[in-house]
N, C-alpha and C. Protein backbone atom coordinates (compact mmCIF):
# COMPACT_ATOMS: atom_id res chain seq x y z
N UNK A 1 -10.08 0.32 12.70
CA UNK A 1 -8.68 0.19 13.06
C UNK A 1 -7.78 0.95 12.12
N UNK A 2 -8.23 2.00 11.47
CA UNK A 2 -7.32 2.75 10.61
C UNK A 2 -6.12 3.24 11.41
N UNK A 3 -4.97 3.20 10.79
CA UNK A 3 -3.74 3.62 11.45
C UNK A 3 -3.35 4.98 10.89
N UNK A 4 -3.20 5.95 11.77
CA UNK A 4 -2.82 7.30 11.36
C UNK A 4 -1.46 7.28 10.68
N UNK A 5 -1.33 8.09 9.63
CA UNK A 5 -0.06 8.22 8.95
C UNK A 5 0.09 7.32 7.74
N UNK A 6 -0.79 6.35 7.56
CA UNK A 6 -0.72 5.48 6.39
C UNK A 6 -1.47 6.13 5.23
N UNK A 7 -1.01 5.91 4.00
CA UNK A 7 -1.72 6.49 2.87
C UNK A 7 -3.11 5.89 2.70
N UNK A 8 -3.98 6.65 2.08
CA UNK A 8 -5.34 6.19 1.81
C UNK A 8 -5.29 5.11 0.73
N UNK A 9 -5.99 4.02 0.98
CA UNK A 9 -6.03 2.89 0.05
C UNK A 9 -7.47 2.71 -0.42
N UNK A 10 -7.70 2.65 -1.74
CA UNK A 10 -9.08 2.48 -2.21
C UNK A 10 -9.60 1.07 -1.92
N UNK A 11 -10.88 0.97 -1.69
CA UNK A 11 -11.50 -0.33 -1.42
C UNK A 11 -11.33 -1.27 -2.61
N UNK A 12 -11.24 -0.71 -3.80
CA UNK A 12 -11.10 -1.55 -5.00
C UNK A 12 -9.76 -2.29 -5.02
N UNK A 13 -8.80 -1.87 -4.22
CA UNK A 13 -7.51 -2.55 -4.16
C UNK A 13 -7.56 -3.80 -3.29
N UNK A 14 -8.64 -3.96 -2.53
CA UNK A 14 -8.77 -5.11 -1.65
C UNK A 14 -9.19 -6.35 -2.43
N UNK A 15 -8.71 -7.52 -2.03
CA UNK A 15 -9.19 -8.75 -2.66
C UNK A 15 -10.69 -8.92 -2.44
N UNK A 16 -11.36 -9.60 -3.35
CA UNK A 16 -12.81 -9.78 -3.26
C UNK A 16 -13.22 -10.43 -1.95
N UNK A 17 -12.43 -11.37 -1.47
CA UNK A 17 -12.78 -12.05 -0.22
C UNK A 17 -12.77 -11.10 0.97
N UNK A 18 -11.92 -10.09 0.93
CA UNK A 18 -11.86 -9.10 2.02
C UNK A 18 -12.96 -8.06 1.84
N UNK A 19 -13.22 -7.65 0.59
CA UNK A 19 -14.29 -6.66 0.33
C UNK A 19 -15.64 -7.15 0.82
N UNK A 20 -15.87 -8.44 0.76
CA UNK A 20 -17.15 -8.98 1.21
C UNK A 20 -17.17 -9.29 2.70
N UNK A 21 -16.06 -9.03 3.39
CA UNK A 21 -15.97 -9.30 4.82
C UNK A 21 -16.42 -8.12 5.67
N UNK A 22 -16.06 -8.18 6.92
CA UNK A 22 -16.46 -7.15 7.87
C UNK A 22 -15.65 -5.87 7.69
N UNK A 23 -16.12 -4.79 8.30
CA UNK A 23 -15.42 -3.52 8.24
C UNK A 23 -14.04 -3.63 8.89
N UNK A 24 -13.94 -4.42 9.96
CA UNK A 24 -12.65 -4.61 10.62
C UNK A 24 -11.66 -5.31 9.70
N UNK A 25 -12.14 -6.28 8.92
CA UNK A 25 -11.28 -6.97 7.96
C UNK A 25 -10.79 -6.01 6.88
N UNK A 26 -11.69 -5.17 6.40
CA UNK A 26 -11.33 -4.18 5.38
C UNK A 26 -10.29 -3.21 5.92
N UNK A 27 -10.50 -2.73 7.14
CA UNK A 27 -9.55 -1.80 7.75
C UNK A 27 -8.18 -2.44 7.94
N UNK A 28 -8.17 -3.70 8.35
CA UNK A 28 -6.89 -4.40 8.56
C UNK A 28 -6.15 -4.56 7.24
N UNK A 29 -6.85 -4.91 6.18
CA UNK A 29 -6.18 -5.09 4.89
C UNK A 29 -5.72 -3.75 4.33
N UNK A 30 -6.53 -2.70 4.53
CA UNK A 30 -6.11 -1.36 4.08
C UNK A 30 -4.86 -0.91 4.83
N UNK A 31 -4.77 -1.23 6.11
CA UNK A 31 -3.56 -0.88 6.88
C UNK A 31 -2.35 -1.63 6.33
N UNK A 32 -2.54 -2.91 6.00
CA UNK A 32 -1.44 -3.71 5.45
C UNK A 32 -1.01 -3.14 4.09
N UNK A 33 -1.98 -2.77 3.24
CA UNK A 33 -1.64 -2.18 1.95
C UNK A 33 -0.99 -0.81 2.10
N UNK A 34 -1.43 -0.03 3.08
CA UNK A 34 -0.82 1.27 3.34
C UNK A 34 0.63 1.13 3.74
N UNK A 35 0.92 0.16 4.60
CA UNK A 35 2.31 -0.10 4.98
C UNK A 35 3.12 -0.54 3.76
N UNK A 36 2.54 -1.42 2.96
CA UNK A 36 3.24 -1.89 1.76
C UNK A 36 3.52 -0.72 0.81
N UNK A 37 2.58 0.21 0.70
CA UNK A 37 2.79 1.36 -0.18
C UNK A 37 3.95 2.23 0.31
N UNK A 38 4.04 2.45 1.60
CA UNK A 38 5.15 3.23 2.14
C UNK A 38 6.48 2.54 1.86
N UNK A 39 6.52 1.23 2.09
CA UNK A 39 7.74 0.46 1.83
C UNK A 39 8.11 0.50 0.35
N UNK A 40 7.13 0.31 -0.52
CA UNK A 40 7.40 0.34 -1.96
C UNK A 40 7.89 1.72 -2.40
N UNK A 41 7.34 2.76 -1.83
CA UNK A 41 7.77 4.11 -2.17
C UNK A 41 9.25 4.30 -1.84
N UNK A 42 9.66 3.79 -0.69
CA UNK A 42 11.07 3.88 -0.31
C UNK A 42 11.95 3.04 -1.24
N UNK A 43 11.50 1.84 -1.56
CA UNK A 43 12.27 0.96 -2.44
C UNK A 43 12.41 1.54 -3.85
N UNK A 44 11.31 2.08 -4.37
CA UNK A 44 11.36 2.68 -5.71
C UNK A 44 12.32 3.86 -5.71
N UNK A 45 12.29 4.67 -4.67
CA UNK A 45 13.20 5.80 -4.58
C UNK A 45 14.67 5.37 -4.57
N UNK A 46 14.96 4.25 -3.94
CA UNK A 46 16.34 3.75 -3.89
C UNK A 46 16.76 3.10 -5.21
N UNK A 47 15.80 2.54 -5.94
CA UNK A 47 16.12 1.84 -7.18
C UNK A 47 16.40 2.79 -8.34
N UNK A 48 15.79 3.96 -8.33
CA UNK A 48 15.94 4.87 -9.44
C UNK A 48 17.35 5.45 -9.50
N UNK A 49 17.93 5.49 -10.69
CA UNK A 49 19.27 6.09 -10.81
C UNK A 49 19.17 7.61 -10.65
N UNK A 50 20.27 8.20 -10.28
CA UNK A 50 20.31 9.66 -10.17
C UNK A 50 20.03 10.26 -11.55
N UNK A 51 19.29 11.32 -11.58
CA UNK A 51 19.00 11.97 -12.85
C UNK A 51 17.59 12.52 -12.89
N UNK A 52 17.04 12.56 -14.07
CA UNK A 52 15.76 13.24 -14.28
C UNK A 52 14.60 12.61 -13.52
N UNK A 53 14.64 11.30 -13.26
CA UNK A 53 13.53 10.67 -12.55
C UNK A 53 13.58 10.89 -11.04
N UNK A 54 14.70 11.33 -10.52
CA UNK A 54 14.82 11.53 -9.08
C UNK A 54 14.97 13.00 -8.71
N UNK A 55 15.06 13.85 -9.71
CA UNK A 55 15.23 15.29 -9.45
C UNK A 55 14.19 16.06 -10.25
N UNK A 56 13.93 17.26 -9.84
CA UNK A 56 13.00 18.10 -10.57
C UNK A 56 11.61 18.08 -9.99
N UNK A 57 10.75 18.90 -10.58
CA UNK A 57 9.40 19.06 -10.01
C UNK A 57 8.50 17.84 -10.17
N UNK A 58 8.80 16.94 -11.08
CA UNK A 58 7.93 15.79 -11.32
C UNK A 58 8.45 14.50 -10.72
N UNK A 59 9.55 14.56 -10.00
CA UNK A 59 10.15 13.34 -9.45
C UNK A 59 9.24 12.68 -8.42
N UNK A 60 8.78 13.41 -7.43
CA UNK A 60 7.94 12.84 -6.38
C UNK A 60 6.58 12.38 -6.91
N UNK A 61 5.90 13.19 -7.74
CA UNK A 61 4.62 12.70 -8.28
C UNK A 61 4.78 11.45 -9.14
N UNK A 62 5.87 11.34 -9.89
CA UNK A 62 6.08 10.16 -10.72
C UNK A 62 6.28 8.93 -9.84
N UNK A 63 7.06 9.07 -8.80
CA UNK A 63 7.31 7.97 -7.88
C UNK A 63 6.01 7.58 -7.16
N UNK A 64 5.24 8.56 -6.72
CA UNK A 64 3.95 8.29 -6.06
C UNK A 64 2.98 7.58 -7.00
N UNK A 65 2.95 8.01 -8.26
CA UNK A 65 2.05 7.38 -9.23
C UNK A 65 2.42 5.92 -9.46
N UNK A 66 3.71 5.65 -9.50
CA UNK A 66 4.17 4.28 -9.71
C UNK A 66 3.76 3.39 -8.54
N UNK A 67 4.02 3.83 -7.32
CA UNK A 67 3.68 3.00 -6.15
C UNK A 67 2.16 2.90 -5.96
N UNK A 68 1.44 3.98 -6.23
CA UNK A 68 -0.01 3.94 -6.14
C UNK A 68 -0.59 2.96 -7.16
N UNK A 69 0.00 2.93 -8.35
CA UNK A 69 -0.43 1.97 -9.36
C UNK A 69 -0.20 0.54 -8.92
N UNK A 70 0.93 0.30 -8.29
CA UNK A 70 1.20 -1.05 -7.79
C UNK A 70 0.18 -1.45 -6.73
N UNK A 71 -0.08 -0.55 -5.80
CA UNK A 71 -1.01 -0.84 -4.71
C UNK A 71 -2.44 -0.99 -5.23
N UNK A 72 -2.83 -0.16 -6.19
CA UNK A 72 -4.18 -0.24 -6.74
C UNK A 72 -4.46 -1.58 -7.40
N UNK A 73 -3.40 -2.25 -7.81
CA UNK A 73 -3.55 -3.57 -8.44
C UNK A 73 -3.18 -4.69 -7.49
N UNK A 74 -3.23 -4.43 -6.20
CA UNK A 74 -3.02 -5.49 -5.21
C UNK A 74 -1.64 -5.55 -4.60
N UNK A 75 -0.73 -4.70 -5.01
CA UNK A 75 0.60 -4.69 -4.42
C UNK A 75 1.46 -5.85 -4.89
N UNK A 76 2.49 -6.16 -4.09
CA UNK A 76 3.42 -7.23 -4.46
C UNK A 76 3.26 -8.45 -3.56
N UNK A 77 2.25 -8.45 -2.71
CA UNK A 77 1.98 -9.61 -1.87
C UNK A 77 2.32 -9.45 -0.41
N UNK A 78 3.00 -8.40 -0.05
CA UNK A 78 3.36 -8.19 1.35
C UNK A 78 2.12 -7.98 2.22
N UNK A 79 1.16 -7.23 1.72
CA UNK A 79 -0.07 -6.96 2.49
C UNK A 79 -0.81 -8.26 2.82
N UNK A 80 -0.83 -9.18 1.86
CA UNK A 80 -1.51 -10.45 2.09
C UNK A 80 -0.84 -11.24 3.21
N UNK A 81 0.46 -11.08 3.36
CA UNK A 81 1.17 -11.77 4.43
C UNK A 81 1.00 -11.06 5.77
N UNK A 82 0.87 -9.74 5.76
CA UNK A 82 0.67 -8.97 7.00
C UNK A 82 -0.77 -9.02 7.50
N UNK A 83 -1.70 -9.16 6.61
CA UNK A 83 -3.12 -9.08 6.93
C UNK A 83 -3.54 -10.01 8.08
N UNK A 84 -3.18 -11.29 8.08
CA UNK A 84 -3.65 -12.15 9.18
C UNK A 84 -3.23 -11.66 10.58
N UNK A 85 -2.05 -11.08 10.68
CA UNK A 85 -1.60 -10.61 11.99
C UNK A 85 -2.26 -9.30 12.41
N UNK A 86 -2.87 -8.59 11.48
CA UNK A 86 -3.54 -7.32 11.79
C UNK A 86 -5.02 -7.50 12.10
N UNK A 87 -5.58 -8.65 11.79
CA UNK A 87 -6.99 -8.88 12.07
C UNK A 87 -7.24 -8.94 13.56
N UNK A 88 -8.36 -8.40 13.98
CA UNK A 88 -8.69 -8.34 15.40
C UNK A 88 -8.87 -9.71 16.02
N UNK A 89 -9.36 -10.67 15.25
CA UNK A 89 -9.60 -12.00 15.82
C UNK A 89 -8.38 -12.90 15.76
N UNK A 90 -7.25 -12.35 15.26
CA UNK A 90 -6.02 -13.16 15.20
C UNK A 90 -5.48 -13.37 16.61
N UNK A 91 -5.03 -14.54 16.87
CA UNK A 91 -4.51 -14.85 18.21
C UNK A 91 -3.04 -14.55 18.31
């Protein structure tokens, strides 16, 4: 169930309970984390003050590294809330 357009999420970012589950569960959680990463990227961009962190050749890579770091460590919890609704067996 990978969703086109979402960033790639490493399996190591998934909770242990999901890593030991089915491939569909892993895909659903990766989709939830991918959505969370896109949202965090937008939020981080809005939070940064105008200046050196938002302009120049290193602005986008710095912002991407920050959000990727957050997602690699499990995100901020949004994915965990989205995950149940993305599972195939969810009613």
